[in-house]
PDB file of N, CA and C in Angstrom:
ATOM      1  N   MET A   1     -87.390 199.810  46.638  1.00  0.00           N
ATOM      2  CA  MET A   1     -86.843 199.193  47.137  1.00  0.00           C
ATOM      3  C   MET A   1     -86.814 197.733  48.013  1.00  0.00           C
ATOM      4  N   LYS A   2     -87.229 198.317  49.465  1.00  0.00           N
ATOM      5  CA  LYS A   2     -87.292 197.230  50.466  1.00  0.00           C
ATOM      6  C   LYS A   2     -88.572 197.059  50.280  1.00  0.00           C
ATOM      7  N   GLU A   3     -89.990 197.722  49.603  1.00  0.00           N
ATOM      8  CA  GLU A   3     -90.805 196.910  49.716  1.00  0.00           C
ATOM      9  C   GLU A   3     -91.460 196.019  48.778  1.00  0.00           C
ATOM     10  N   LEU A   4     -90.493 196.247  47.852  1.00  0.00           N
ATOM     11  CA  LEU A   4     -90.190 194.830  47.187  1.00  0.00           C
ATOM     12  C   LEU A   4     -89.763 194.040  47.239  1.00  0.00           C
ATOM     13  N   LEU A   5     -88.356 194.070  47.851  1.00  0.00           N
ATOM     14  CA  LEU A   5     -87.978 192.808  48.548  1.00  0.00           C
ATOM     15  C   LEU A   5     -88.290 192.456  49.675  1.00  0.00           C
ATOM     16  N   SER A   6     -89.611 192.793  50.311  1.00  0.00           N
ATOM     17  CA  SER A   6     -90.169 192.794  51.651  1.00  0.00           C
ATOM     18  C   SER A   6     -91.465 191.778  50.866  1.00  0.00           C
ATOM     19  N   GLN A   7     -91.996 192.310  49.847  1.00  0.00           N
ATOM     20  CA  GLN A   7     -93.084 191.754  49.356  1.00  0.00           C
ATOM     21  C   GLN A   7     -92.934 189.885  49.031  1.00  0.00           C
ATOM     22  N   LYS A   8     -91.522 189.728  48.959  1.00  0.00           N
ATOM     23  CA  LYS A   8     -90.787 189.019  47.972  1.00  0.00           C
ATOM     24  C   LYS A   8     -90.461 187.901  49.415  1.00  0.00           C
ATOM     25  N   LYS A   9     -90.367 188.203  50.017  1.00  0.00           N
ATOM     26  CA  LYS A   9     -90.090 187.603  51.262  1.00  0.00           C
ATOM     27  C   LYS A   9     -88.807 187.170  51.093  1.00  0.00           C
ATOM     28  N   VAL A  10     -88.304 188.017  50.725  1.00  0.00           N
ATOM     29  CA  VAL A  10     -86.690 187.895  50.570  1.00  0.00           C
ATOM     30  C   VAL A  10     -85.206 189.400  51.590  1.00  0.00           C
ATOM     31  N   PRO A  11     -84.778 188.644  52.011  1.00  0.00           N
ATOM     32  CA  PRO A  11     -84.202 189.139  53.072  1.00  0.00           C
ATOM     33  C   PRO A  11     -83.109 189.724  52.819  1.00  0.00           C
ATOM     34  N   PHE A  12     -82.991 190.628  53.427  1.00  0.00           N
ATOM     35  CA  PHE A  12     -81.613 192.106  53.007  1.00  0.00           C
ATOM     36  C   PHE A  12     -80.914 192.642  54.080  1.00  0.00           C
ATOM     37  N   THR A  13     -80.188 193.488  53.100  1.00  0.00           N
ATOM     38  CA  THR A  13     -79.568 194.167  54.436  1.00  0.00           C
ATOM     39  C   THR A  13     -79.767 195.428  53.961  1.00  0.00           C
ATOM     40  N   ASP A  14     -80.373 196.745  54.219  1.00  0.00           N
ATOM     41  CA  ASP A  14     -79.915 197.784  54.526  1.00  0.00           C
ATOM     42  C   ASP A  14     -78.842 198.924  54.769  1.00  0.00           C
ATOM     43  N   LYS A  15     -78.607 199.411  53.536  1.00  0.00           N
ATOM     44  CA  LYS A  15     -77.328 200.103  54.035  1.00  0.00           C
ATOM     45  C   LYS A  15     -77.618 201.332  53.756  1.00  0.00           C
ATOM     46  N   ASN A  16     -77.172 202.360  54.610  1.00  0.00           N
ATOM     47  CA  ASN A  16     -77.181 203.966  54.398  1.00  0.00           C
ATOM     48  C   ASN A  16     -76.148 204.873  54.152  1.00  0.00           C
ATOM     49  N   ILE A  17     -75.528 205.737  52.722  1.00  0.00           N
ATOM     50  CA  ILE A  17     -74.584 206.276  52.886  1.00  0.00           C
ATOM     51  C   ILE A  17     -74.131 207.290  53.736  1.00  0.00           C
ATOM     52  N   ARG A  18     -75.608 208.077  53.618  1.00  0.00           N
ATOM     53  CA  ARG A  18     -75.593 209.209  54.757  1.00  0.00           C
ATOM     54  C   ARG A  18     -74.891 208.895  56.182  1.00  0.00           C
ATOM     55  N   GLU A  19     -75.282 207.551  56.578  1.00  0.00           N
ATOM     56  CA  GLU A  19     -75.331 207.555  57.915  1.00  0.00           C
ATOM     57  C   GLU A  19     -74.146 206.846  57.996  1.00  0.00           C
ATOM     58  N   ASP A  20     -72.983 205.905  57.042  1.00  0.00           N
ATOM     59  CA  ASP A  20     -72.047 204.787  57.306  1.00  0.00           C
ATOM     60  C   ASP A  20     -71.212 205.656  56.682  1.00  0.00           C
ATOM     61  N   ALA A  21     -70.071 206.005  56.673  1.00  0.00           N
ATOM     62  CA  ALA A  21     -68.947 206.321  55.969  1.00  0.00           C
ATOM     63  C   ALA A  21     -68.255 205.013  55.067  1.00  0.00           C
ATOM     64  N   ALA A  22     -68.271 204.225  55.684  1.00  0.00           N
ATOM     65  CA  ALA A  22     -67.442 202.487  55.618  1.00  0.00           C
ATOM     66  C   ALA A  22     -68.965 202.314  54.383  1.00  0.00           C
ATOM     67  N   THR A  23     -69.809 202.415  54.709  1.00  0.00           N
ATOM     68  CA  THR A  23     -70.758 201.435  52.976  1.00  0.00           C
ATOM     69  C   THR A  23     -70.627 203.081  52.307  1.00  0.00           C
ATOM     70  N   LEU A  24     -70.489 204.484  52.460  1.00  0.00           N
ATOM     71  CA  LEU A  24     -70.334 205.380  50.998  1.00  0.00           C
ATOM     72  C   LEU A  24     -68.951 204.745  49.945  1.00  0.00           C
ATOM     73  N   ASN A  25     -67.812 204.081  51.065  1.00  0.00           N
ATOM     74  CA  ASN A  25     -66.658 204.177  50.708  1.00  0.00           C
ATOM     75  C   ASN A  25     -66.717 202.786  49.881  1.00  0.00           C
ATOM     76  N   GLU A  26     -67.576 201.476  50.492  1.00  0.00           N
ATOM     77  CA  GLU A  26     -67.538 200.762  49.510  1.00  0.00           C
ATOM     78  C   GLU A  26     -68.349 200.770  48.592  1.00  0.00           C
ATOM     79  N   LEU A  27     -69.713 201.551  48.104  1.00  0.00           N
ATOM     80  CA  LEU A  27     -70.073 202.104  47.209  1.00  0.00           C
ATOM     81  C   LEU A  27     -69.559 202.424  46.402  1.00  0.00           C
ATOM     82  N   ARG A  28     -68.114 203.216  46.657  1.00  0.00           N
ATOM     83  CA  ARG A  28     -67.249 203.970  45.811  1.00  0.00           C
ATOM     84  C   ARG A  28     -66.134 203.238  45.057  1.00  0.00           C
ATOM     85  N   LYS A  29     -65.591 202.239  45.942  1.00  0.00           N
ATOM     86  CA  LYS A  29     -65.091 201.090  45.572  1.00  0.00           C
ATOM     87  C   LYS A  29     -65.864 200.251  44.370  1.00  0.00           C
ATOM     88  N   MET A  30     -66.816 200.136  44.340  1.00  0.00           N
ATOM     89  CA  MET A  30     -68.173 199.082  43.617  1.00  0.00           C
ATOM     90  C   MET A  30     -67.613 200.133  42.233  1.00  0.00           C
ATOM     91  N   GLY A  31     -67.532 201.245  42.305  1.00  0.00           N
ATOM     92  CA  GLY A  31     -67.428 202.262  41.143  1.00  0.00           C
ATOM     93  C   GLY A  31     -68.755 203.321  40.615  1.00  0.00           C
ATOM     94  N   TYR A  32     -69.619 203.636  42.267  1.00  0.00           N
ATOM     95  CA  TYR A  32     -70.839 204.097  42.053  1.00  0.00           C
ATOM     96  C   TYR A  32     -70.814 205.137  42.878  1.00  0.00           C
ATOM     97  N   ASN A  33     -71.589 206.124  42.044  1.00  0.00           N
ATOM     98  CA  ASN A  33     -71.438 207.432  43.358  1.00  0.00           C
ATOM     99  C   ASN A  33     -73.441 207.895  43.062  1.00  0.00           C
ATOM    100  N   ALA A  34     -74.368 206.537  42.799  1.00  0.00           N
ATOM    101  CA  ALA A  34     -75.499 207.115  42.968  1.00  0.00           C
ATOM    102  C   ALA A  34     -75.925 205.706  43.550  1.00  0.00           C
ATOM    103  N   VAL A  35     -77.386 206.347  44.631  1.00  0.00           N
ATOM    104  CA  VAL A  35     -78.038 204.944  44.654  1.00  0.00           C
ATOM    105  C   VAL A  35     -79.922 205.079  44.211  1.00  0.00           C
ATOM    106  N   PRO A  36     -80.080 203.728  44.726  1.00  0.00           N
ATOM    107  CA  PRO A  36     -79.862 202.827  45.069  1.00  0.00           C
ATOM    108  C   PRO A  36     -78.466 201.804  44.149  1.00  0.00           C
ATOM    109  N   VAL A  37     -78.070 200.962  44.647  1.00  0.00           N
ATOM    110  CA  VAL A  37     -77.180 200.377  43.835  1.00  0.00           C
ATOM    111  C   VAL A  37     -77.973 198.444  44.787  1.00  0.00           C
ATOM    112  N   THR A  38     -78.224 197.599  43.963  1.00  0.00           N
ATOM    113  CA  THR A  38     -78.704 196.188  44.313  1.00  0.00           C
ATOM    114  C   THR A  38     -77.732 194.812  44.161  1.00  0.00           C
ATOM    115  N   VAL A  39     -77.205 194.464  45.281  1.00  0.00           N
ATOM    116  CA  VAL A  39     -76.175 193.630  44.752  1.00  0.00           C
ATOM    117  C   VAL A  39     -76.967 191.974  44.935  1.00  0.00           C
ATOM    118  N   ILE A  40     -77.390 191.211  44.048  1.00  0.00           N
ATOM    119  CA  ILE A  40     -78.083 189.969  44.120  1.00  0.00           C
ATOM    120  C   ILE A  40     -77.286 188.935  43.774  1.00  0.00           C
ATOM    121  N   ASP A  41     -76.409 188.686  44.682  1.00  0.00           N
ATOM    122  CA  ASP A  41     -75.780 186.781  44.157  1.00  0.00           C
ATOM    123  C   ASP A  41     -74.011 187.891  43.194  1.00  0.00           C
ATOM    124  N   GLY A  42     -73.636 188.391  43.464  1.00  0.00           N
ATOM    125  CA  GLY A  42     -72.863 189.088  42.754  1.00  0.00           C
ATOM    126  C   GLY A  42     -73.553 189.975  41.692  1.00  0.00           C
ATOM    127  N   GLN A  43     -74.510 190.531  41.022  1.00  0.00           N
ATOM    128  CA  GLN A  43     -75.366 191.044  40.373  1.00  0.00           C
ATOM    129  C   GLN A  43     -75.539 192.363  41.048  1.00  0.00           C
ATOM    130  N   ARG A  44     -75.001 193.403  40.086  1.00  0.00           N
ATOM    131  CA  ARG A  44     -75.230 194.578  40.374  1.00  0.00           C
ATOM    132  C   ARG A  44     -76.237 195.915  39.683  1.00  0.00           C
ATOM    133  N   ILE A  45     -77.424 195.970  40.153  1.00  0.00           N
ATOM    134  CA  ILE A  45     -78.380 196.518  39.965  1.00  0.00           C
ATOM    135  C   ILE A  45     -78.328 198.501  39.861  1.00  0.00           C
ATOM    136  N   VAL A  46     -78.369 198.811  38.953  1.00  0.00           N
ATOM    137  CA  VAL A  46     -78.283 200.249  39.324  1.00  0.00           C
ATOM    138  C   VAL A  46     -79.923 200.834  39.195  1.00  0.00           C
ATOM    139  N   GLY A  47     -80.194 201.511  40.336  1.00  0.00           N
ATOM    140  CA  GLY A  47     -81.424 202.154  40.587  1.00  0.00           C
ATOM    141  C   GLY A  47     -82.493 200.895  40.605  1.00  0.00           C
ATOM    142  N   TYR A  48     -84.026 201.690  40.724  1.00  0.00           N
ATOM    143  CA  TYR A  48     -84.956 200.800  40.690  1.00  0.00           C
ATOM    144  C   TYR A  48     -85.369 200.377  39.256  1.00  0.00           C
ATOM    145  N   ASP A  49     -84.859 199.064  39.677  1.00  0.00           N
ATOM    146  CA  ASP A  49     -85.013 198.552  37.696  1.00  0.00           C
ATOM    147  C   ASP A  49     -86.072 197.275  38.416  1.00  0.00           C
ATOM    148  N   LYS A  50     -87.458 196.989  38.729  1.00  0.00           N
ATOM    149  CA  LYS A  50     -87.980 195.732  38.613  1.00  0.00           C
ATOM    150  C   LYS A  50     -87.981 194.848  38.278  1.00  0.00           C
ATOM    151  N   ALA A  51     -87.619 194.823  37.030  1.00  0.00           N
ATOM    152  CA  ALA A  51     -87.285 193.540  36.130  1.00  0.00           C
ATOM    153  C   ALA A  51     -86.150 193.251  36.628  1.00  0.00           C
ATOM    154  N   ALA A  52     -85.052 193.640  36.321  1.00  0.00           N
ATOM    155  CA  ALA A  52     -83.787 193.571  36.449  1.00  0.00           C
ATOM    156  C   ALA A  52     -83.592 192.966  37.752  1.00  0.00           C
ATOM    157  N   ILE A  53     -84.395 193.377  38.944  1.00  0.00           N
ATOM    158  CA  ILE A  53     -84.354 192.734  40.441  1.00  0.00           C
ATOM    159  C   ILE A  53     -85.413 191.408  40.513  1.00  0.00           C
ATOM    160  N   GLU A  54     -86.043 191.145  39.453  1.00  0.00           N
ATOM    161  CA  GLU A  54     -86.834 189.878  39.624  1.00  0.00           C
ATOM    162  C   GLU A  54     -86.460 188.511  39.415  1.00  0.00           C
ATOM    163  N   LYS A  55     -85.816 189.618  37.423  1.00  0.00           N
ATOM    164  CA  LYS A  55     -85.099 188.415  36.858  1.00  0.00           C
ATOM    165  C   LYS A  55     -83.834 187.865  37.781  1.00  0.00           C
ATOM    166  N   ALA A  56     -82.782 188.309  38.292  1.00  0.00           N
ATOM    167  CA  ALA A  56     -82.241 188.108  39.562  1.00  0.00           C
ATOM    168  C   ALA A  56     -82.071 187.576  40.349  1.00  0.00           C
ATOM    169  N   LEU A  57     -83.578 187.794  40.959  1.00  0.00           N
ATOM    170  CA  LEU A  57     -83.997 186.576  42.049  1.00  0.00           C
ATOM    171  C   LEU A  57     -84.686 185.554  41.657  1.00  0.00           C
ATOM    172  N   GLY A  58     -85.120 185.285  40.156  1.00  0.00           N
ATOM    173  CA  GLY A  58     -85.078 184.192  39.542  1.00  0.00           C
ATOM    174  C   GLY A  58     -86.950 184.129  40.011  1.00  0.00           C
ATOM    175  N   SER A  59     -87.405 184.937  39.441  1.00  0.00           N
ATOM    176  CA  SER A  59     -88.744 185.555  39.504  1.00  0.00           C
ATOM    177  C   SER A  59     -89.797 186.036  38.494  1.00  0.00           C
ATOM    178  N   ALA A  60     -89.125 186.518  36.870  1.00  0.00           N
ATOM    179  CA  ALA A  60     -89.048 186.535  36.414  1.00  0.00           C
ATOM    180  C   ALA A  60     -90.324 185.953  35.411  1.00  0.00           C
TER     181      ALA A  60
END
């Protein structure tokens, strides 16, 4: 995920649920228990779905 976003020069914030309890709580409040969850302009993408990420970024 990070590699794809970096290649496309898309700025992102990497959050780690193992290191930050607040991030884990944020994930749970969204209704998820698994990672990765990528949020692009409010659109949530669960797992590594390259096509969905590129579509959300407008580069599909």
